[in-house]
């Protein structure tokens, strides 16, 4: 029982760490001596955008655009 509880506790810590660091597609790193972390916004690669267009068709097309 003790081992199981310890494992669950460690997984929860890992979840909190990963969720906080990578939430919303941003990557946050702790900066010693500062309250706020550094923030990187890497965005998505071009293949992800192509897949989005293939799967959603015209749904996200901006008015007045000839094509994606």
PDB file of N, CA and C in Angstrom:
ATOM      1  N   UNK A   1       0.830  -1.198   0.000  1.00  0.00           N
ATOM      2  CA  UNK A   1       0.000   0.000   0.000  1.00  0.00           C
ATOM      3  C   UNK A   1       0.868   1.254   0.000  1.00  0.00           C
ATOM      4  N   UNK A   2       1.923   1.250   0.826  1.00  0.00           N
ATOM      5  CA  UNK A   2       2.800   2.409   0.916  1.00  0.00           C
ATOM      6  C   UNK A   2       3.482   2.687  -0.431  1.00  0.00           C
ATOM      7  N   UNK A   3       3.928   1.626  -1.114  1.00  0.00           N
ATOM      8  CA  UNK A   3       4.587   1.786  -2.406  1.00  0.00           C
ATOM      9  C   UNK A   3       3.624   2.360  -3.436  1.00  0.00           C
ATOM     10  N   UNK A   4       2.404   1.872  -3.458  1.00  0.00           N
ATOM     11  CA  UNK A   4       1.399   2.369  -4.395  1.00  0.00           C
ATOM     12  C   UNK A   4       1.105   3.837  -4.160  1.00  0.00           C
ATOM     13  N   UNK A   5       0.925   4.233  -2.910  1.00  0.00           N
ATOM     14  CA  UNK A   5       0.656   5.639  -2.589  1.00  0.00           C
ATOM     15  C   UNK A   5       1.835   6.523  -2.980  1.00  0.00           C
ATOM     16  N   UNK A   6       3.040   6.036  -2.739  1.00  0.00           N
ATOM     17  CA  UNK A   6       4.237   6.789  -3.101  1.00  0.00           C
ATOM     18  C   UNK A   6       4.315   6.975  -4.624  1.00  0.00           C
ATOM     19  N   UNK A   7       4.010   5.917  -5.372  1.00  0.00           N
ATOM     20  CA  UNK A   7       4.036   5.994  -6.831  1.00  0.00           C
ATOM     21  C   UNK A   7       3.020   7.006  -7.337  1.00  0.00           C
ATOM     22  N   UNK A   8       1.816   6.965  -6.817  1.00  0.00           N
ATOM     23  CA  UNK A   8       0.769   7.915  -7.225  1.00  0.00           C
ATOM     24  C   UNK A   8       1.196   9.341  -6.889  1.00  0.00           C
ATOM     25  N   UNK A   9       1.795   9.535  -5.744  1.00  0.00           N
ATOM     26  CA  UNK A   9       2.255  10.861  -5.343  1.00  0.00           C
ATOM     27  C   UNK A   9       3.324  11.383  -6.309  1.00  0.00           C
ATOM     28  N   UNK A  10       4.255  10.533  -6.711  1.00  0.00           N
ATOM     29  CA  UNK A  10       5.302  10.937  -7.655  1.00  0.00           C
ATOM     30  C   UNK A  10       4.721  11.251  -9.035  1.00  0.00           C
ATOM     31  N   UNK A  11       3.745  10.471  -9.475  1.00  0.00           N
ATOM     32  CA  UNK A  11       3.104  10.736 -10.773  1.00  0.00           C
ATOM     33  C   UNK A  11       2.368  12.071 -10.754  1.00  0.00           C
ATOM     34  N   UNK A  12       1.742  12.387  -9.627  1.00  0.00           N
ATOM     35  CA  UNK A  12       1.046  13.673  -9.513  1.00  0.00           C
ATOM     36  C   UNK A  12       2.030  14.830  -9.581  1.00  0.00           C
ATOM     37  N   UNK A  13       3.184  14.675  -8.935  1.00  0.00           N
ATOM     38  CA  UNK A  13       4.211  15.717  -9.006  1.00  0.00           C
ATOM     39  C   UNK A  13       4.693  15.889 -10.449  1.00  0.00           C
ATOM     40  N   UNK A  14       4.909  14.786 -11.136  1.00  0.00           N
ATOM     41  CA  UNK A  14       5.344  14.848 -12.529  1.00  0.00           C
ATOM     42  C   UNK A  14       4.286  15.530 -13.390  1.00  0.00           C
ATOM     43  N   UNK A  15       3.024  15.167 -13.186  1.00  0.00           N
ATOM     44  CA  UNK A  15       1.928  15.794 -13.936  1.00  0.00           C
ATOM     45  C   UNK A  15       1.925  17.305 -13.720  1.00  0.00           C
ATOM     46  N   UNK A  16       2.001  17.746 -12.469  1.00  0.00           N
ATOM     47  CA  UNK A  16       1.985  19.188 -12.177  1.00  0.00           C
ATOM     48  C   UNK A  16       3.158  19.888 -12.859  1.00  0.00           C
ATOM     49  N   UNK A  17       4.331  19.281 -12.803  1.00  0.00           N
ATOM     50  CA  UNK A  17       5.513  19.861 -13.431  1.00  0.00           C
ATOM     51  C   UNK A  17       5.326  19.986 -14.949  1.00  0.00           C
ATOM     52  N   UNK A  18       4.928  18.900 -15.612  1.00  0.00           N
ATOM     53  CA  UNK A  18       4.778  18.906 -17.065  1.00  0.00           C
ATOM     54  C   UNK A  18       3.647  19.829 -17.508  1.00  0.00           C
ATOM     55  N   UNK A  19       2.518  19.777 -16.795  1.00  0.00           N
ATOM     56  CA  UNK A  19       1.377  20.616 -17.157  1.00  0.00           C
ATOM     57  C   UNK A  19       1.741  22.089 -17.046  1.00  0.00           C
ATOM     58  N   UNK A  20       2.394  22.462 -15.959  1.00  0.00           N
ATOM     59  CA  UNK A  20       2.761  23.858 -15.752  1.00  0.00           C
ATOM     60  C   UNK A  20       3.798  24.307 -16.770  1.00  0.00           C
ATOM     61  N   UNK A  21       4.776  23.464 -17.064  1.00  0.00           N
ATOM     62  CA  UNK A  21       5.851  23.848 -17.975  1.00  0.00           C
ATOM     63  C   UNK A  21       5.368  24.004 -19.417  1.00  0.00           C
ATOM     64  N   UNK A  22       4.485  23.110 -19.877  1.00  0.00           N
ATOM     65  CA  UNK A  22       4.112  23.083 -21.294  1.00  0.00           C
ATOM     66  C   UNK A  22       2.679  23.523 -21.590  1.00  0.00           C
ATOM     67  N   UNK A  23       1.977  24.049 -20.623  1.00  0.00           N
ATOM     68  CA  UNK A  23       0.590  24.466 -20.798  1.00  0.00           C
ATOM     69  C   UNK A  23       0.459  25.463 -21.950  1.00  0.00           C
ATOM     70  N   UNK A  24      -0.567  25.326 -22.763  1.00  0.00           N
ATOM     71  CA  UNK A  24      -0.896  26.241 -23.860  1.00  0.00           C
ATOM     72  C   UNK A  24       0.157  26.294 -24.961  1.00  0.00           C
ATOM     73  N   UNK A  25       1.008  25.282 -25.055  1.00  0.00           N
ATOM     74  CA  UNK A  25       2.024  25.267 -26.103  1.00  0.00           C
ATOM     75  C   UNK A  25       3.225  26.146 -25.806  1.00  0.00           C
ATOM     76  N   UNK A  26       3.239  26.786 -24.645  1.00  0.00           N
ATOM     77  CA  UNK A  26       4.372  27.601 -24.229  1.00  0.00           C
ATOM     78  C   UNK A  26       5.314  26.736 -23.399  1.00  0.00           C
ATOM     79  N   UNK A  27       6.592  27.087 -23.405  1.00  0.00           N
ATOM     80  CA  UNK A  27       7.562  26.366 -22.587  1.00  0.00           C
ATOM     81  C   UNK A  27       8.115  27.350 -21.567  1.00  0.00           C
ATOM     82  N   UNK A  28       7.938  27.020 -20.301  1.00  0.00           N
ATOM     83  CA  UNK A  28       8.376  27.894 -19.222  1.00  0.00           C
ATOM     84  C   UNK A  28       9.565  27.267 -18.488  1.00  0.00           C
ATOM     85  N   UNK A  29      10.563  28.084 -18.162  1.00  0.00           N
ATOM     86  CA  UNK A  29      11.727  27.645 -17.408  1.00  0.00           C
ATOM     87  C   UNK A  29      11.883  28.546 -16.193  1.00  0.00           C
ATOM     88  N   UNK A  30      12.141  27.941 -15.047  1.00  0.00           N
ATOM     89  CA  UNK A  30      12.356  28.701 -13.827  1.00  0.00           C
ATOM     90  C   UNK A  30      13.640  29.505 -13.959  1.00  0.00           C
ATOM     91  N   UNK A  31      13.589  30.772 -13.512  1.00  0.00           N
ATOM     92  CA  UNK A  31      14.758  31.643 -13.502  1.00  0.00           C
ATOM     93  C   UNK A  31      15.069  31.940 -12.041  1.00  0.00           C
ATOM     94  N   UNK A  32      16.248  31.518 -11.600  1.00  0.00           N
ATOM     95  CA  UNK A  32      16.639  31.735 -10.201  1.00  0.00           C
ATOM     96  C   UNK A  32      16.588  33.218  -9.848  1.00  0.00           C
ATOM     97  N   UNK A  33      15.996  33.517  -8.701  1.00  0.00           N
ATOM     98  CA  UNK A  33      15.935  34.893  -8.224  1.00  0.00           C
ATOM     99  C   UNK A  33      14.820  35.726  -8.823  1.00  0.00           C
ATOM    100  N   UNK A  34      14.016  35.127  -9.698  1.00  0.00           N
ATOM    101  CA  UNK A  34      12.902  35.862 -10.301  1.00  0.00           C
ATOM    102  C   UNK A  34      11.592  35.142 -10.010  1.00  0.00           C
ATOM    103  N   UNK A  35      10.542  35.923  -9.853  1.00  0.00           N
ATOM    104  CA  UNK A  35       9.226  35.355  -9.589  1.00  0.00           C
ATOM    105  C   UNK A  35       8.652  34.688 -10.833  1.00  0.00           C
ATOM    106  N   UNK A  36       8.798  35.352 -11.994  1.00  0.00           N
ATOM    107  CA  UNK A  36       8.219  34.831 -13.233  1.00  0.00           C
ATOM    108  C   UNK A  36       9.241  34.003 -14.011  1.00  0.00           C
ATOM    109  N   UNK A  37       8.770  32.952 -14.664  1.00  0.00           N
ATOM    110  CA  UNK A  37       9.686  32.129 -15.462  1.00  0.00           C
ATOM    111  C   UNK A  37       9.994  32.787 -16.805  1.00  0.00           C
ATOM    112  N   UNK A  38      11.032  32.270 -17.473  1.00  0.00           N
ATOM    113  CA  UNK A  38      11.249  32.693 -18.859  1.00  0.00           C
ATOM    114  C   UNK A  38      10.201  31.972 -19.697  1.00  0.00           C
ATOM    115  N   UNK A  39       9.833  32.543 -20.812  1.00  0.00           N
ATOM    116  CA  UNK A  39       8.751  31.987 -21.615  1.00  0.00           C
ATOM    117  C   UNK A  39       9.182  31.893 -23.070  1.00  0.00           C
ATOM    118  N   UNK A  40       8.997  30.709 -23.639  1.00  0.00           N
ATOM    119  CA  UNK A  40       9.285  30.490 -25.054  1.00  0.00           C
ATOM    120  C   UNK A  40       7.984  30.068 -25.724  1.00  0.00           C
ATOM    121  N   UNK A  41       7.695  30.624 -26.885  1.00  0.00           N
ATOM    122  CA  UNK A  41       6.492  30.284 -27.630  1.00  0.00           C
ATOM    123  C   UNK A  41       6.907  29.737 -28.991  1.00  0.00           C
ATOM    124  N   UNK A  42       7.227  28.430 -29.041  1.00  0.00           N
ATOM    125  CA  UNK A  42       7.787  27.861 -30.266  1.00  0.00           C
ATOM    126  C   UNK A  42       6.803  27.709 -31.418  1.00  0.00           C
ATOM    127  N   UNK A  43       5.511  27.713 -31.147  1.00  0.00           N
ATOM    128  CA  UNK A  43       4.535  27.516 -32.216  1.00  0.00           C
ATOM    129  C   UNK A  43       4.525  26.071 -32.701  1.00  0.00           C
ATOM    130  N   UNK A  44       3.943  25.851 -33.852  1.00  0.00           N
ATOM    131  CA  UNK A  44       3.821  24.507 -34.410  1.00  0.00           C
ATOM    132  C   UNK A  44       4.600  24.429 -35.709  1.00  0.00           C
ATOM    133  N   UNK A  45       4.990  23.223 -36.097  1.00  0.00           N
ATOM    134  CA  UNK A  45       5.703  23.085 -37.366  1.00  0.00           C
ATOM    135  C   UNK A  45       4.716  23.132 -38.532  1.00  0.00           C
ATOM    136  N   UNK A  46       5.251  23.324 -39.743  1.00  0.00           N
ATOM    137  CA  UNK A  46       4.395  23.489 -40.927  1.00  0.00           C
ATOM    138  C   UNK A  46       3.531  22.262 -41.194  1.00  0.00           C
ATOM    139  N   UNK A  47       4.030  21.074 -40.890  1.00  0.00           N
ATOM    140  CA  UNK A  47       3.241  19.858 -41.122  1.00  0.00           C
ATOM    141  C   UNK A  47       1.972  19.860 -40.277  1.00  0.00           C
ATOM    142  N   UNK A  48       2.024  20.382 -39.061  1.00  0.00           N
ATOM    143  CA  UNK A  48       0.836  20.441 -38.206  1.00  0.00           C
ATOM    144  C   UNK A  48      -0.210  21.345 -38.848  1.00  0.00           C
ATOM    145  N   UNK A  49       0.214  22.489 -39.380  1.00  0.00           N
ATOM    146  CA  UNK A  49      -0.729  23.393 -40.048  1.00  0.00           C
ATOM    147  C   UNK A  49      -1.322  22.742 -41.298  1.00  0.00           C
ATOM    148  N   UNK A  50      -0.510  22.015 -42.056  1.00  0.00           N
ATOM    149  CA  UNK A  50      -1.022  21.312 -43.252  1.00  0.00           C
ATOM    150  C   UNK A  50      -2.085  20.291 -42.855  1.00  0.00           C
ATOM    151  N   UNK A  51      -1.808  19.530 -41.789  1.00  0.00           N
ATOM    152  CA  UNK A  51      -2.772  18.535 -41.311  1.00  0.00           C
ATOM    153  C   UNK A  51      -4.070  19.219 -40.876  1.00  0.00           C
ATOM    154  N   UNK A  52      -3.954  20.351 -40.210  1.00  0.00           N
ATOM    155  CA  UNK A  52      -5.133  21.091 -39.765  1.00  0.00           C
ATOM    156  C   UNK A  52      -5.986  21.503 -40.962  1.00  0.00           C
ATOM    157  N   UNK A  53      -5.337  21.981 -42.003  1.00  0.00           N
ATOM    158  CA  UNK A  53      -6.060  22.396 -43.216  1.00  0.00           C
ATOM    159  C   UNK A  53      -6.718  21.195 -43.885  1.00  0.00           C
ATOM    160  N   UNK A  54      -5.984  20.084 -43.995  1.00  0.00           N
ATOM    161  CA  UNK A  54      -6.543  18.867 -44.613  1.00  0.00           C
ATOM    162  C   UNK A  54      -7.779  18.383 -43.853  1.00  0.00           C
ATOM    163  N   UNK A  55      -7.725  18.421 -42.540  1.00  0.00           N
ATOM    164  CA  UNK A  55      -8.814  17.856 -41.735  1.00  0.00           C
ATOM    165  C   UNK A  55      -9.992  18.800 -41.522  1.00  0.00           C
ATOM    166  N   UNK A  56      -9.790  20.096 -41.675  1.00  0.00           N
ATOM    167  CA  UNK A  56     -10.887  21.033 -41.409  1.00  0.00           C
ATOM    168  C   UNK A  56     -11.411  21.722 -42.667  1.00  0.00           C
ATOM    169  N   UNK A  57     -10.719  21.558 -43.788  1.00  0.00           N
ATOM    170  CA  UNK A  57     -11.190  22.160 -45.036  1.00  0.00           C
ATOM    171  C   UNK A  57     -11.304  23.663 -44.948  1.00  0.00           C
ATOM    172  N   UNK A  58     -12.472  24.198 -45.201  1.00  0.00           N
ATOM    173  CA  UNK A  58     -12.698  25.643 -45.280  1.00  0.00           C
ATOM    174  C   UNK A  58     -13.022  26.270 -43.916  1.00  0.00           C
ATOM    175  N   UNK A  59     -13.107  25.481 -42.879  1.00  0.00           N
ATOM    176  CA  UNK A  59     -13.571  25.964 -41.577  1.00  0.00           C
ATOM    177  C   UNK A  59     -12.802  27.189 -41.073  1.00  0.00           C
ATOM    178  N   UNK A  60     -11.470  27.220 -41.244  1.00  0.00           N
ATOM    179  CA  UNK A  60     -10.665  28.317 -40.720  1.00  0.00           C
ATOM    180  C   UNK A  60     -10.218  29.302 -41.795  1.00  0.00           C
ATOM    181  N   UNK A  61     -10.795  29.206 -42.964  1.00  0.00           N
ATOM    182  CA  UNK A  61     -10.436  30.110 -44.057  1.00  0.00           C
ATOM    183  C   UNK A  61     -10.904  31.518 -43.717  1.00  0.00           C
ATOM    184  N   UNK A  62     -10.012  32.492 -43.902  1.00  0.00           N
ATOM    185  CA  UNK A  62     -10.336  33.893 -43.626  1.00  0.00           C
ATOM    186  C   UNK A  62     -11.166  34.447 -44.775  1.00  0.00           C
ATOM    187  N   UNK A  63     -12.187  35.270 -44.495  1.00  0.00           N
ATOM    188  CA  UNK A  63     -12.981  35.873 -45.563  1.00  0.00           C
ATOM    189  C   UNK A  63     -12.088  36.675 -46.498  1.00  0.00           C
ATOM    190  N   UNK A  64     -12.313  36.516 -47.793  1.00  0.00           N
ATOM    191  CA  UNK A  64     -11.549  37.252 -48.789  1.00  0.00           C
ATOM    192  C   UNK A  64     -10.287  36.556 -49.245  1.00  0.00           C
ATOM    193  N   UNK A  65      -9.907  35.437 -48.623  1.00  0.00           N
ATOM    194  CA  UNK A  65      -8.724  34.704 -49.029  1.00  0.00           C
ATOM    195  C   UNK A  65      -9.057  33.808 -50.203  1.00  0.00           C
ATOM    196  N   UNK A  66      -8.177  33.771 -51.190  1.00  0.00           N
ATOM    197  CA  UNK A  66      -8.384  32.914 -52.352  1.00  0.00           C
ATOM    198  C   UNK A  66      -8.113  31.455 -52.010  1.00  0.00           C
ATOM    199  N   UNK A  67      -7.111  31.205 -51.187  1.00  0.00           N
ATOM    200  CA  UNK A  67      -6.736  29.845 -50.790  1.00  0.00           C
ATOM    201  C   UNK A  67      -5.959  29.898 -49.483  1.00  0.00           C
ATOM    202  N   UNK A  68      -5.685  28.707 -48.930  1.00  0.00           N
ATOM    203  CA  UNK A  68      -4.943  28.615 -47.656  1.00  0.00           C
ATOM    204  C   UNK A  68      -3.495  28.908 -47.867  1.00  0.00           C
TER     205      UNK A  68
END
